[in-house]
């Protein structure tokens, strides 16, 4: 498992790439995708904020290994949903 600092960097980088891809789709896509992209951008920011905060404040009473494995699995699931939404918009 990576340390917390590396895990935060990874999450931030993935969210930045998703954000940039969403902006590109909104700029070069059809005009009716603007509303969908705005909702997608806000959900990307929420995911970023949520997971970085969860890294900083782990759940008490839960073993660290289990907690961070669950956190990574949930982050991967959420990012896959965002990617699916990006493909449906673009």
PDB file of N, CA and C in Angstrom:
ATOM      1  N   UNK A   1       0.843  -1.174   0.000  1.00  0.00           N
ATOM      2  CA  UNK A   1       0.000   0.000   0.000  1.00  0.00           C
ATOM      3  C   UNK A   1       0.892   1.242   0.000  1.00  0.00           C
ATOM      4  N   UNK A   2       0.520   2.184  -0.783  1.00  0.00           N
ATOM      5  CA  UNK A   2       1.250   3.450  -0.828  1.00  0.00           C
ATOM      6  C   UNK A   2       0.973   4.232   0.452  1.00  0.00           C
ATOM      7  N   UNK A   3       1.870   5.144   0.763  1.00  0.00           N
ATOM      8  CA  UNK A   3       1.592   5.957   1.932  1.00  0.00           C
ATOM      9  C   UNK A   3       0.509   6.989   1.597  1.00  0.00           C
ATOM     10  N   UNK A   4       0.059   7.683   2.583  1.00  0.00           N
ATOM     11  CA  UNK A   4      -1.080   8.595   2.406  1.00  0.00           C
ATOM     12  C   UNK A   4      -0.774   9.711   1.402  1.00  0.00           C
ATOM     13  N   UNK A   5       0.430  10.231   1.464  1.00  0.00           N
ATOM     14  CA  UNK A   5       0.813  11.324   0.565  1.00  0.00           C
ATOM     15  C   UNK A   5       0.744  10.865  -0.896  1.00  0.00           C
ATOM     16  N   UNK A   6       1.292   9.683  -1.174  1.00  0.00           N
ATOM     17  CA  UNK A   6       1.251   9.157  -2.544  1.00  0.00           C
ATOM     18  C   UNK A   6      -0.166   8.857  -2.987  1.00  0.00           C
ATOM     19  N   UNK A   7      -0.964   8.337  -2.078  1.00  0.00           N
ATOM     20  CA  UNK A   7      -2.352   8.024  -2.403  1.00  0.00           C
ATOM     21  C   UNK A   7      -3.139   9.287  -2.736  1.00  0.00           C
ATOM     22  N   UNK A   8      -2.902  10.359  -1.998  1.00  0.00           N
ATOM     23  CA  UNK A   8      -3.550  11.638  -2.299  1.00  0.00           C
ATOM     24  C   UNK A   8      -3.119  12.164  -3.665  1.00  0.00           C
ATOM     25  N   UNK A   9      -1.834  12.045  -3.989  1.00  0.00           N
ATOM     26  CA  UNK A   9      -1.351  12.499  -5.293  1.00  0.00           C
ATOM     27  C   UNK A   9      -1.999  11.715  -6.418  1.00  0.00           C
ATOM     28  N   UNK A  10      -2.126  10.410  -6.240  1.00  0.00           N
ATOM     29  CA  UNK A  10      -2.730   9.568  -7.270  1.00  0.00           C
ATOM     30  C   UNK A  10      -4.181   9.966  -7.490  1.00  0.00           C
ATOM     31  N   UNK A  11      -4.920  10.149  -6.417  1.00  0.00           N
ATOM     32  CA  UNK A  11      -6.333  10.527  -6.519  1.00  0.00           C
ATOM     33  C   UNK A  11      -6.458  11.898  -7.182  1.00  0.00           C
ATOM     34  N   UNK A  12      -5.627  12.838  -6.779  1.00  0.00           N
ATOM     35  CA  UNK A  12      -5.677  14.178  -7.386  1.00  0.00           C
ATOM     36  C   UNK A  12      -5.352  14.125  -8.875  1.00  0.00           C
ATOM     37  N   UNK A  13      -4.339  13.339  -9.256  1.00  0.00           N
ATOM     38  CA  UNK A  13      -3.971  13.246 -10.672  1.00  0.00           C
ATOM     39  C   UNK A  13      -5.076  12.616 -11.505  1.00  0.00           C
ATOM     40  N   UNK A  14      -5.684  11.569 -11.006  1.00  0.00           N
ATOM     41  CA  UNK A  14      -6.776  10.919 -11.744  1.00  0.00           C
ATOM     42  C   UNK A  14      -7.949  11.878 -11.900  1.00  0.00           C
ATOM     43  N   UNK A  15      -8.292  12.576 -10.838  1.00  0.00           N
ATOM     44  CA  UNK A  15      -9.405  13.524 -10.916  1.00  0.00           C
ATOM     45  C   UNK A  15      -9.079  14.688 -11.850  1.00  0.00           C
ATOM     46  N   UNK A  16      -7.831  15.140 -11.871  1.00  0.00           N
ATOM     47  CA  UNK A  16      -7.438  16.206 -12.789  1.00  0.00           C
ATOM     48  C   UNK A  16      -7.572  15.756 -14.236  1.00  0.00           C
ATOM     49  N   UNK A  17      -7.176  14.530 -14.523  1.00  0.00           N
ATOM     50  CA  UNK A  17      -7.296  14.009 -15.887  1.00  0.00           C
ATOM     51  C   UNK A  17      -8.764  13.878 -16.297  1.00  0.00           C
ATOM     52  N   UNK A  18      -9.605  13.391 -15.388  1.00  0.00           N
ATOM     53  CA  UNK A  18     -11.037  13.286 -15.687  1.00  0.00           C
ATOM     54  C   UNK A  18     -11.645  14.668 -15.910  1.00  0.00           C
ATOM     55  N   UNK A  19     -11.232  15.633 -15.093  1.00  0.00           N
ATOM     56  CA  UNK A  19     -11.725  17.002 -15.219  1.00  0.00           C
ATOM     57  C   UNK A  19     -11.328  17.590 -16.570  1.00  0.00           C
ATOM     58  N   UNK A  20     -10.060  17.404 -16.958  1.00  0.00           N
ATOM     59  CA  UNK A  20      -9.583  17.928 -18.237  1.00  0.00           C
ATOM     60  C   UNK A  20     -10.311  17.272 -19.409  1.00  0.00           C
ATOM     61  N   UNK A  21     -10.551  15.993 -19.312  1.00  0.00           N
ATOM     62  CA  UNK A  21     -11.276  15.297 -20.375  1.00  0.00           C
ATOM     63  C   UNK A  21     -12.714  15.805 -20.476  1.00  0.00           C
ATOM     64  N   UNK A  22     -13.332  16.086 -19.346  1.00  0.00           N
ATOM     65  CA  UNK A  22     -14.695  16.626 -19.348  1.00  0.00           C
ATOM     66  C   UNK A  22     -14.739  18.003 -19.990  1.00  0.00           C
ATOM     67  N   UNK A  23     -13.754  18.831 -19.678  1.00  0.00           N
ATOM     68  CA  UNK A  23     -13.680  20.165 -20.281  1.00  0.00           C
ATOM     69  C   UNK A  23     -13.506  20.048 -21.791  1.00  0.00           C
ATOM     70  N   UNK A  24     -12.644  19.147 -22.228  1.00  0.00           N
ATOM     71  CA  UNK A  24     -12.420  18.962 -23.662  1.00  0.00           C
ATOM     72  C   UNK A  24     -13.702  18.517 -24.361  1.00  0.00           C
ATOM     73  N   UNK A  25     -14.447  17.630 -23.741  1.00  0.00           N
ATOM     74  CA  UNK A  25     -15.706  17.166 -24.331  1.00  0.00           C
ATOM     75  C   UNK A  25     -16.702  18.308 -24.405  1.00  0.00           C
ATOM     76  N   UNK A  26     -16.737  19.154 -23.362  1.00  0.00           N
ATOM     77  CA  UNK A  26     -17.687  20.270 -23.388  1.00  0.00           C
ATOM     78  C   UNK A  26     -17.303  21.301 -24.448  1.00  0.00           C
ATOM     79  N   UNK A  27     -16.011  21.487 -24.683  1.00  0.00           N
ATOM     80  CA  UNK A  27     -15.571  22.465 -25.677  1.00  0.00           C
ATOM     81  C   UNK A  27     -15.746  21.962 -27.102  1.00  0.00           C
ATOM     82  N   UNK A  28     -15.451  20.709 -27.324  1.00  0.00           N
ATOM     83  CA  UNK A  28     -15.448  20.185 -28.680  1.00  0.00           C
ATOM     84  C   UNK A  28     -16.650  19.312 -28.994  1.00  0.00           C
ATOM     85  N   UNK A  29     -17.512  19.098 -28.017  1.00  0.00           N
ATOM     86  CA  UNK A  29     -18.703  18.284 -28.246  1.00  0.00           C
ATOM     87  C   UNK A  29     -19.860  19.121 -28.725  1.00  0.00           C
ATOM     88  N   UNK A  30     -21.009  18.522 -28.712  1.00  0.00           N
ATOM     89  CA  UNK A  30     -22.220  19.221 -29.128  1.00  0.00           C
ATOM     90  C   UNK A  30     -22.640  20.228 -28.059  1.00  0.00           C
ATOM     91  N   UNK A  31     -23.451  21.187 -28.446  1.00  0.00           N
ATOM     92  CA  UNK A  31     -23.867  22.244 -27.516  1.00  0.00           C
ATOM     93  C   UNK A  31     -24.786  21.728 -26.412  1.00  0.00           C
ATOM     94  N   UNK A  32     -25.532  20.667 -26.666  1.00  0.00           N
ATOM     95  CA  UNK A  32     -26.469  20.184 -25.646  1.00  0.00           C
ATOM     96  C   UNK A  32     -25.775  19.373 -24.548  1.00  0.00           C
ATOM     97  N   UNK A  33     -24.465  19.185 -24.632  1.00  0.00           N
ATOM     98  CA  UNK A  33     -23.757  18.441 -23.597  1.00  0.00           C
ATOM     99  C   UNK A  33     -23.253  19.335 -22.474  1.00  0.00           C
ATOM    100  N   UNK A  34     -23.477  20.633 -22.567  1.00  0.00           N
ATOM    101  CA  UNK A  34     -22.947  21.563 -21.571  1.00  0.00           C
ATOM    102  C   UNK A  34     -23.535  21.293 -20.193  1.00  0.00           C
ATOM    103  N   UNK A  35     -24.824  21.070 -20.109  1.00  0.00           N
ATOM    104  CA  UNK A  35     -25.465  20.810 -18.813  1.00  0.00           C
ATOM    105  C   UNK A  35     -24.963  19.500 -18.228  1.00  0.00           C
ATOM    106  N   UNK A  36     -24.847  18.473 -19.072  1.00  0.00           N
ATOM    107  CA  UNK A  36     -24.346  17.190 -18.600  1.00  0.00           C
ATOM    108  C   UNK A  36     -22.910  17.308 -18.107  1.00  0.00           C
ATOM    109  N   UNK A  37     -22.099  18.082 -18.801  1.00  0.00           N
ATOM    110  CA  UNK A  37     -20.698  18.217 -18.412  1.00  0.00           C
ATOM    111  C   UNK A  37     -20.573  18.995 -17.112  1.00  0.00           C
ATOM    112  N   UNK A  38     -21.399  19.984 -16.906  1.00  0.00           N
ATOM    113  CA  UNK A  38     -21.334  20.734 -15.645  1.00  0.00           C
ATOM    114  C   UNK A  38     -21.652  19.831 -14.459  1.00  0.00           C
ATOM    115  N   UNK A  39     -22.636  18.984 -14.607  1.00  0.00           N
ATOM    116  CA  UNK A  39     -22.967  18.040 -13.544  1.00  0.00           C
ATOM    117  C   UNK A  39     -21.828  17.048 -13.334  1.00  0.00           C
ATOM    118  N   UNK A  40     -21.216  16.635 -14.414  1.00  0.00           N
ATOM    119  CA  UNK A  40     -20.096  15.702 -14.343  1.00  0.00           C
ATOM    120  C   UNK A  40     -18.885  16.349 -13.661  1.00  0.00           C
ATOM    121  N   UNK A  41     -18.625  17.605 -13.979  1.00  0.00           N
ATOM    122  CA  UNK A  41     -17.505  18.316 -13.349  1.00  0.00           C
ATOM    123  C   UNK A  41     -17.704  18.455 -11.845  1.00  0.00           C
ATOM    124  N   UNK A  42     -18.912  18.771 -11.446  1.00  0.00           N
ATOM    125  CA  UNK A  42     -19.160  18.899 -10.006  1.00  0.00           C
ATOM    126  C   UNK A  42     -19.050  17.550  -9.308  1.00  0.00           C
ATOM    127  N   UNK A  43     -19.458  16.471  -9.966  1.00  0.00           N
ATOM    128  CA  UNK A  43     -19.324  15.162  -9.334  1.00  0.00           C
ATOM    129  C   UNK A  43     -17.861  14.736  -9.243  1.00  0.00           C
ATOM    130  N   UNK A  44     -17.038  15.123 -10.219  1.00  0.00           N
ATOM    131  CA  UNK A  44     -15.607  14.824 -10.146  1.00  0.00           C
ATOM    132  C   UNK A  44     -14.973  15.566  -8.973  1.00  0.00           C
ATOM    133  N   UNK A  45     -15.343  16.829  -8.792  1.00  0.00           N
ATOM    134  CA  UNK A  45     -14.810  17.598  -7.665  1.00  0.00           C
ATOM    135  C   UNK A  45     -15.267  17.011  -6.333  1.00  0.00           C
ATOM    136  N   UNK A  46     -16.519  16.554  -6.271  1.00  0.00           N
ATOM    137  CA  UNK A  46     -17.017  15.932  -5.043  1.00  0.00           C
ATOM    138  C   UNK A  46     -16.269  14.640  -4.728  1.00  0.00           C
ATOM    139  N   UNK A  47     -16.023  13.839  -5.761  1.00  0.00           N
ATOM    140  CA  UNK A  47     -15.288  12.593  -5.563  1.00  0.00           C
ATOM    141  C   UNK A  47     -13.880  12.891  -5.053  1.00  0.00           C
ATOM    142  N   UNK A  48     -13.224  13.859  -5.667  1.00  0.00           N
ATOM    143  CA  UNK A  48     -11.872  14.226  -5.242  1.00  0.00           C
ATOM    144  C   UNK A  48     -11.865  14.663  -3.781  1.00  0.00           C
ATOM    145  N   UNK A  49     -12.734  15.571  -3.436  1.00  0.00           N
ATOM    146  CA  UNK A  49     -12.790  16.089  -2.070  1.00  0.00           C
ATOM    147  C   UNK A  49     -13.112  14.982  -1.078  1.00  0.00           C
ATOM    148  N   UNK A  50     -14.073  14.138  -1.418  1.00  0.00           N
ATOM    149  CA  UNK A  50     -14.507  13.074  -0.529  1.00  0.00           C
ATOM    150  C   UNK A  50     -13.375  12.096  -0.228  1.00  0.00           C
ATOM    151  N   UNK A  51     -12.696  11.630  -1.264  1.00  0.00           N
ATOM    152  CA  UNK A  51     -11.675  10.611  -1.045  1.00  0.00           C
ATOM    153  C   UNK A  51     -10.407  11.162  -0.410  1.00  0.00           C
ATOM    154  N   UNK A  52     -10.021  12.384  -0.730  1.00  0.00           N
ATOM    155  CA  UNK A  52      -8.854  12.973  -0.076  1.00  0.00           C
ATOM    156  C   UNK A  52      -9.156  13.185   1.412  1.00  0.00           C
ATOM    157  N   UNK A  53     -10.365  13.618   1.739  1.00  0.00           N
ATOM    158  CA  UNK A  53     -10.738  13.776   3.145  1.00  0.00           C
ATOM    159  C   UNK A  53     -10.776  12.435   3.866  1.00  0.00           C
ATOM    160  N   UNK A  54     -11.235  11.400   3.184  1.00  0.00           N
ATOM    161  CA  UNK A  54     -11.286  10.079   3.806  1.00  0.00           C
ATOM    162  C   UNK A  54      -9.899   9.516   4.047  1.00  0.00           C
ATOM    163  N   UNK A  55      -8.925   9.892   3.229  1.00  0.00           N
ATOM    164  CA  UNK A  55      -7.549   9.451   3.472  1.00  0.00           C
ATOM    165  C   UNK A  55      -7.012  10.118   4.734  1.00  0.00           C
ATOM    166  N   UNK A  56      -7.320  11.388   4.899  1.00  0.00           N
ATOM    167  CA  UNK A  56      -6.810  12.145   6.039  1.00  0.00           C
ATOM    168  C   UNK A  56      -7.446  11.725   7.361  1.00  0.00           C
ATOM    169  N   UNK A  57      -8.671  11.233   7.309  1.00  0.00           N
ATOM    170  CA  UNK A  57      -9.400  10.891   8.529  1.00  0.00           C
ATOM    171  C   UNK A  57      -9.974   9.476   8.422  1.00  0.00           C
ATOM    172  N   UNK A  58      -9.137   8.459   8.670  1.00  0.00           N
ATOM    173  CA  UNK A  58      -9.642   7.082   8.553  1.00  0.00           C
ATOM    174  C   UNK A  58     -10.678   6.770   9.623  1.00  0.00           C
ATOM    175  N   UNK A  59     -11.472   5.783   9.331  1.00  0.00           N
ATOM    176  CA  UNK A  59     -12.539   5.375  10.234  1.00  0.00           C
ATOM    177  C   UNK A  59     -11.951   4.699  11.471  1.00  0.00           C
ATOM    178  N   UNK A  60     -12.295   5.176  12.666  1.00  0.00           N
ATOM    179  CA  UNK A  60     -11.736   4.571  13.875  1.00  0.00           C
ATOM    180  C   UNK A  60     -12.280   3.157  14.099  1.00  0.00           C
ATOM    181  N   UNK A  61     -11.429   2.307  14.633  1.00  0.00           N
ATOM    182  CA  UNK A  61     -11.840   0.951  14.951  1.00  0.00           C
ATOM    183  C   UNK A  61     -11.717  -0.025  13.801  1.00  0.00           C
ATOM    184  N   UNK A  62     -11.427   0.450  12.615  1.00  0.00           N
ATOM    185  CA  UNK A  62     -11.287  -0.409  11.445  1.00  0.00           C
ATOM    186  C   UNK A  62      -9.796  -0.573  11.147  1.00  0.00           C
ATOM    187  N   UNK A  63      -9.352  -1.791  10.879  1.00  0.00           N
ATOM    188  CA  UNK A  63      -7.925  -1.963  10.556  1.00  0.00           C
ATOM    189  C   UNK A  63      -7.546  -1.138   9.321  1.00  0.00           C
ATOM    190  N   UNK A  64      -6.377  -0.547   9.368  1.00  0.00           N
ATOM    191  CA  UNK A  64      -5.948   0.366   8.308  1.00  0.00           C
ATOM    192  C   UNK A  64      -5.890  -0.326   6.951  1.00  0.00           C
ATOM    193  N   UNK A  65      -5.395  -1.546   6.924  1.00  0.00           N
ATOM    194  CA  UNK A  65      -5.275  -2.267   5.656  1.00  0.00           C
ATOM    195  C   UNK A  65      -6.641  -2.471   5.011  1.00  0.00           C
ATOM    196  N   UNK A  66      -7.618  -2.849   5.797  1.00  0.00           N
ATOM    197  CA  UNK A  66      -8.976  -3.078   5.293  1.00  0.00           C
ATOM    198  C   UNK A  66      -9.608  -1.763   4.862  1.00  0.00           C
ATOM    199  N   UNK A  67      -9.397  -0.720   5.662  1.00  0.00           N
ATOM    200  CA  UNK A  67      -9.989   0.584   5.374  1.00  0.00           C
ATOM    201  C   UNK A  67      -9.484   1.141   4.039  1.00  0.00           C
ATOM    202  N   UNK A  68      -8.170   1.115   3.845  1.00  0.00           N
ATOM    203  CA  UNK A  68      -7.617   1.689   2.623  1.00  0.00           C
ATOM    204  C   UNK A  68      -7.897   0.821   1.400  1.00  0.00           C
ATOM    205  N   UNK A  69      -7.988  -0.495   1.574  1.00  0.00           N
ATOM    206  CA  UNK A  69      -8.365  -1.350   0.453  1.00  0.00           C
ATOM    207  C   UNK A  69      -9.792  -1.036   0.017  1.00  0.00           C
ATOM    208  N   UNK A  70     -10.680  -0.860   0.975  1.00  0.00           N
ATOM    209  CA  UNK A  70     -12.068  -0.507   0.675  1.00  0.00           C
ATOM    210  C   UNK A  70     -12.147   0.874   0.025  1.00  0.00           C
ATOM    211  N   UNK A  71     -11.349   1.811   0.514  1.00  0.00           N
ATOM    212  CA  UNK A  71     -11.326   3.156  -0.046  1.00  0.00           C
ATOM    213  C   UNK A  71     -10.872   3.132  -1.507  1.00  0.00           C
ATOM    214  N   UNK A  72      -9.831   2.384  -1.801  1.00  0.00           N
ATOM    215  CA  UNK A  72      -9.319   2.297  -3.168  1.00  0.00           C
ATOM    216  C   UNK A  72     -10.329   1.611  -4.082  1.00  0.00           C
ATOM    217  N   UNK A  73     -10.956   0.548  -3.601  1.00  0.00           N
ATOM    218  CA  UNK A  73     -11.968  -0.150  -4.410  1.00  0.00           C
ATOM    219  C   UNK A  73     -13.154   0.759  -4.729  1.00  0.00           C
ATOM    220  N   UNK A  74     -13.616   1.513  -3.740  1.00  0.00           N
ATOM    221  CA  UNK A  74     -14.726   2.440  -3.961  1.00  0.00           C
ATOM    222  C   UNK A  74     -14.332   3.570  -4.914  1.00  0.00           C
ATOM    223  N   UNK A  75     -13.103   4.069  -4.791  1.00  0.00           N
ATOM    224  CA  UNK A  75     -12.638   5.120  -5.699  1.00  0.00           C
ATOM    225  C   UNK A  75     -12.581   4.601  -7.132  1.00  0.00           C
ATOM    226  N   UNK A  76     -12.070   3.393  -7.306  1.00  0.00           N
ATOM    227  CA  UNK A  76     -12.013   2.808  -8.646  1.00  0.00           C
ATOM    228  C   UNK A  76     -13.405   2.637  -9.240  1.00  0.00           C
ATOM    229  N   UNK A  77     -14.361   2.229  -8.419  1.00  0.00           N
ATOM    230  CA  UNK A  77     -15.738   2.053  -8.884  1.00  0.00           C
ATOM    231  C   UNK A  77     -16.332   3.393  -9.302  1.00  0.00           C
ATOM    232  N   UNK A  78     -16.117   4.430  -8.491  1.00  0.00           N
ATOM    233  CA  UNK A  78     -16.650   5.759  -8.810  1.00  0.00           C
ATOM    234  C   UNK A  78     -16.014   6.345 -10.068  1.00  0.00           C
ATOM    235  N   UNK A  79     -14.712   6.160 -10.237  1.00  0.00           N
ATOM    236  CA  UNK A  79     -14.064   6.690 -11.430  1.00  0.00           C
ATOM    237  C   UNK A  79     -14.509   5.937 -12.683  1.00  0.00           C
ATOM    238  N   UNK A  80     -14.774   4.656 -12.558  1.00  0.00           N
ATOM    239  CA  UNK A  80     -15.292   3.903 -13.711  1.00  0.00           C
ATOM    240  C   UNK A  80     -16.666   4.422 -14.123  1.00  0.00           C
ATOM    241  N   UNK A  81     -17.492   4.790 -13.144  1.00  0.00           N
ATOM    242  CA  UNK A  81     -18.799   5.366 -13.460  1.00  0.00           C
ATOM    243  C   UNK A  81     -18.651   6.700 -14.172  1.00  0.00           C
ATOM    244  N   UNK A  82     -17.698   7.524 -13.734  1.00  0.00           N
ATOM    245  CA  UNK A  82     -17.445   8.815 -14.369  1.00  0.00           C
ATOM    246  C   UNK A  82     -16.979   8.599 -15.806  1.00  0.00           C
ATOM    247  N   UNK A  83     -16.094   7.640 -16.019  1.00  0.00           N
ATOM    248  CA  UNK A  83     -15.598   7.358 -17.361  1.00  0.00           C
ATOM    249  C   UNK A  83     -16.724   6.889 -18.269  1.00  0.00           C
ATOM    250  N   UNK A  84     -17.606   6.051 -17.734  1.00  0.00           N
ATOM    251  CA  UNK A  84     -18.771   5.610 -18.522  1.00  0.00           C
ATOM    252  C   UNK A  84     -19.652   6.791 -18.902  1.00  0.00           C
ATOM    253  N   UNK A  85     -19.833   7.739 -17.985  1.00  0.00           N
ATOM    254  CA  UNK A  85     -20.630   8.929 -18.282  1.00  0.00           C
ATOM    255  C   UNK A  85     -19.944   9.785 -19.336  1.00  0.00           C
ATOM    256  N   UNK A  86     -18.621   9.876 -19.276  1.00  0.00           N
ATOM    257  CA  UNK A  86     -17.874  10.643 -20.285  1.00  0.00           C
ATOM    258  C   UNK A  86     -18.061  10.046 -21.673  1.00  0.00           C
ATOM    259  N   UNK A  87     -18.040   8.714 -21.771  1.00  0.00           N
ATOM    260  CA  UNK A  87     -18.237   8.070 -23.055  1.00  0.00           C
ATOM    261  C   UNK A  87     -19.650   8.266 -23.569  1.00  0.00           C
ATOM    262  N   UNK A  88     -20.623   8.304 -22.667  1.00  0.00           N
ATOM    263  CA  UNK A  88     -22.000   8.487 -23.115  1.00  0.00           C
ATOM    264  C   UNK A  88     -22.252   9.923 -23.586  1.00  0.00           C
ATOM    265  N   UNK A  89     -21.564  10.895 -22.984  1.00  0.00           N
ATOM    266  CA  UNK A  89     -21.711  12.291 -23.386  1.00  0.00           C
ATOM    267  C   UNK A  89     -20.995  12.545 -24.703  1.00  0.00           C
ATOM    268  N   UNK A  90     -19.740  12.098 -24.784  1.00  0.00           N
ATOM    269  CA  UNK A  90     -18.894  12.403 -25.934  1.00  0.00           C
ATOM    270  C   UNK A  90     -19.102  11.413 -27.000  1.00  0.00           C
TER     271      UNK A  90
END
